[in-house]
Amino acid sequence: MKNLFLVRHAKSSWEVPTHDKDRGLTCQGVKDAHLVSSEAKDSIPKAYVIFSSTAKRTTNTALIFAQNLAYPIESIIYKDDLYTFDENDLEKVIKSYSNSYESVILFGHNGAITDFVNKFGDVYIENVPTSGFVHLKFEAEDWKKIKKGKIEKIIFPKNLR
């Protein structure tokens, strides 16, 4: 059994002209990440690993979640290959995970997250919003062999406000 928790980064700021990877979070984004991570706390198993894209907005979102989940921030694994907007690239990364990981929390970007959820989930989601959290459970023992999974939990900030 494999558990994948996909989190789209929190709302980011476009106010400062900067490279896409360097955009930070808005105040609303910070609030939403706290709100969703606090709500998600009870849905996450005791043992898991956190992977995050190296973009500033995803690393900041991952840090907020780690803080609220009491996860050691030095244990977050930052990967450049998660800075992707393409579902096929995201799928390759996920399928390359070590089978020693039963549960993975992944912080990434859209359209990759929404498209991945719709390819591998059993419920259609039009759009995973910023700070959106989706838990997918797979009946596989090997990440390389994941197929259609079951969406166990969806947490979107607008439903918590």
Protein backbone atom coordinates (compact mmCIF):
# COMPACT_ATOMS: atom_id res chain seq x y z
CA MET A 1 0.00 0.00 0.00
CA LYS A 2 1.42 3.42 -1.00
CA ASN A 3 0.10 6.78 0.19
CA LEU A 4 0.75 9.93 -1.78
CA PHE A 5 -0.18 13.32 -0.38
CA LEU A 6 0.00 15.99 -3.08
CA VAL A 7 0.08 19.62 -2.02
CA ARG A 8 0.03 22.50 -4.47
CA HIS A 9 2.14 25.39 -3.21
CA ALA A 10 0.32 28.21 -1.43
CA LYS A 11 -0.70 31.40 -3.23
CA SER A 12 2.37 33.21 -4.49
CA SER A 13 3.06 36.84 -5.13
CA TRP A 14 3.39 38.39 -8.59
CA GLU A 15 3.96 41.91 -7.19
CA VAL A 16 7.76 41.85 -7.26
CA PRO A 17 9.36 41.34 -10.68
CA THR A 18 11.53 38.28 -10.18
CA HIS A 19 12.30 34.88 -11.69
CA ASP A 20 9.42 32.41 -11.40
CA LYS A 21 11.40 30.14 -9.07
CA ASP A 22 12.01 33.05 -6.68
CA ARG A 23 8.41 34.12 -6.11
CA GLY A 24 7.42 34.07 -2.43
CA LEU A 25 4.05 33.59 -0.76
CA THR A 26 1.34 36.17 -0.21
CA CYS A 27 -0.07 36.75 3.29
CA GLN A 28 -3.20 34.85 2.22
CA GLY A 29 -0.99 32.02 0.96
CA VAL A 30 0.72 31.74 4.35
CA LYS A 31 -2.66 31.72 6.15
CA ASP A 32 -4.06 29.07 3.79
CA ALA A 33 -1.01 26.81 4.18
CA HIS A 34 -1.39 26.98 7.97
CA LEU A 35 -5.14 26.32 7.71
CA VAL A 36 -4.81 23.30 5.39
CA SER A 37 -1.83 21.77 7.20
CA SER A 38 -3.62 22.02 10.54
CA GLU A 39 -6.69 20.32 9.05
CA ALA A 40 -4.56 17.63 7.32
CA LYS A 41 -2.64 16.69 10.47
CA ASP A 42 -5.02 13.87 11.45
CA SER A 43 -4.99 12.36 7.92
CA ILE A 44 -1.25 11.80 7.75
CA PRO A 45 0.33 8.56 9.04
CA LYS A 46 3.06 8.54 11.69
CA ALA A 47 5.87 7.71 9.23
CA TYR A 48 6.32 9.66 6.00
CA VAL A 49 8.85 11.60 3.96
CA ILE A 50 8.47 15.11 2.52
CA PHE A 51 9.69 16.04 -0.96
CA SER A 52 9.47 19.59 -2.29
CA SER A 53 10.19 21.44 -5.49
CA THR A 54 13.08 23.89 -5.12
CA ALA A 55 10.94 26.92 -6.05
CA LYS A 56 10.69 29.38 -3.16
CA ARG A 57 6.87 29.20 -2.99
CA THR A 58 6.94 25.40 -2.62
CA THR A 59 9.79 25.36 -0.12
CA ASN A 60 7.96 27.95 1.99
CA THR A 61 4.74 25.91 1.82
CA ALA A 62 6.61 22.73 2.79
CA LEU A 63 8.20 24.53 5.75
CA ILE A 64 4.79 25.69 7.01
CA PHE A 65 3.40 22.15 6.76
CA ALA A 66 6.48 20.67 8.43
CA GLN A 67 6.15 23.14 11.29
CA ASN A 68 2.47 22.27 11.83
CA LEU A 69 3.09 18.53 11.49
CA ALA A 70 6.10 18.61 13.85
CA TYR A 71 8.28 17.25 11.01
CA PRO A 72 12.01 18.09 11.24
CA ILE A 73 12.64 20.77 8.59
CA GLU A 74 16.17 19.48 7.99
CA SER A 75 14.62 16.20 6.79
CA ILE A 76 12.70 17.81 3.89
CA ILE A 77 14.14 16.60 0.57
CA TYR A 78 14.31 19.35 -2.06
CA LYS A 79 14.35 18.18 -5.68
CA ASP A 80 14.81 20.32 -8.82
CA ASP A 81 12.90 17.74 -10.87
CA LEU A 82 9.72 18.58 -8.88
CA TYR A 83 9.83 22.07 -10.38
CA THR A 84 7.60 20.89 -13.20
CA PHE A 85 4.19 21.80 -14.54
CA ASP A 86 3.92 18.59 -16.58
CA GLU A 87 2.08 15.54 -15.22
CA ASN A 88 4.29 13.09 -17.15
CA ASP A 89 7.44 14.52 -15.57
CA LEU A 90 5.80 14.40 -12.14
CA GLU A 91 4.77 10.78 -12.73
CA LYS A 92 8.37 9.83 -13.59
CA VAL A 93 9.62 11.37 -10.35
CA ILE A 94 6.96 9.63 -8.22
CA LYS A 95 7.56 6.27 -9.90
CA SER A 96 11.28 6.60 -9.12
CA TYR A 97 10.75 6.76 -5.33
CA SER A 98 12.29 4.11 -3.13
CA ASN A 99 9.84 1.44 -2.03
CA SER A 100 11.08 1.99 1.51
CA TYR A 101 8.77 5.04 1.47
CA GLU A 102 5.22 3.91 2.23
CA SER A 103 3.90 7.49 2.53
CA VAL A 104 5.13 10.56 0.67
CA ILE A 105 4.05 14.18 0.99
CA LEU A 106 4.96 16.03 -2.20
CA PHE A 107 4.89 19.81 -2.67
CA GLY A 108 4.65 20.88 -6.29
CA HIS A 109 3.01 22.91 -9.00
CA ASN A 110 -0.04 23.01 -11.24
CA GLY A 111 -0.97 21.77 -13.94
CA ALA A 112 1.17 18.75 -12.97
CA ILE A 113 -0.69 18.19 -9.69
CA THR A 114 -4.24 18.51 -11.07
CA ASP A 115 -3.40 16.40 -14.13
CA PHE A 116 -1.71 13.71 -12.01
CA VAL A 117 -4.67 13.57 -9.61
CA ASN A 118 -7.09 13.18 -12.53
CA LYS A 119 -4.99 10.49 -14.19
CA PHE A 120 -4.44 8.42 -11.03
CA GLY A 121 -7.42 9.34 -8.83
CA ASP A 122 -10.95 7.97 -8.89
CA VAL A 123 -12.65 11.38 -8.63
CA TYR A 124 -12.35 14.17 -11.20
CA ILE A 125 -11.08 17.46 -9.78
CA GLU A 126 -11.35 20.46 -12.08
CA ASN A 127 -8.48 22.27 -10.38
CA VAL A 128 -6.39 21.65 -7.29
CA PRO A 129 -6.15 25.20 -5.89
CA THR A 130 -3.17 26.79 -4.20
CA SER A 131 -2.62 25.11 -0.79
CA GLY A 132 -4.83 22.27 -2.03
CA PHE A 133 -4.18 18.87 -0.43
CA VAL A 134 -5.11 15.54 -2.04
CA HIS A 135 -4.43 12.11 -0.50
CA LEU A 136 -4.19 9.26 -3.01
CA LYS A 137 -3.93 5.64 -1.85
CA PHE A 138 -2.53 2.98 -4.18
CA GLU A 139 -2.91 -0.80 -3.85
CA ALA A 140 0.69 -1.24 -5.01
CA GLU A 141 3.80 -2.20 -3.05
CA ASP A 142 6.06 -0.68 -5.71
CA TRP A 143 5.95 3.00 -6.74
CA LYS A 144 6.87 1.96 -10.29
CA LYS A 145 3.65 -0.08 -10.50
CA ILE A 146 1.12 2.46 -9.24
CA LYS A 147 -2.05 2.56 -11.28
CA LYS A 148 -5.47 4.06 -10.63
CA GLY A 149 -5.69 4.86 -6.94
CA LYS A 150 -8.39 6.00 -4.56
CA ILE A 151 -8.72 9.57 -3.37
CA GLU A 152 -8.98 9.30 0.40
CA LYS A 153 -9.09 12.98 1.36
CA ILE A 154 -9.34 16.38 -0.29
CA ILE A 155 -8.72 19.59 1.65
CA PHE A 156 -9.08 22.92 -0.11
CA PRO A 157 -8.65 26.22 1.76
CA LYS A 158 -11.93 27.74 0.53
CA ASN A 159 -13.80 24.96 2.35
CA LEU A 160 -12.10 25.85 5.64
CA ARG A 161 -12.52 29.62 5.62
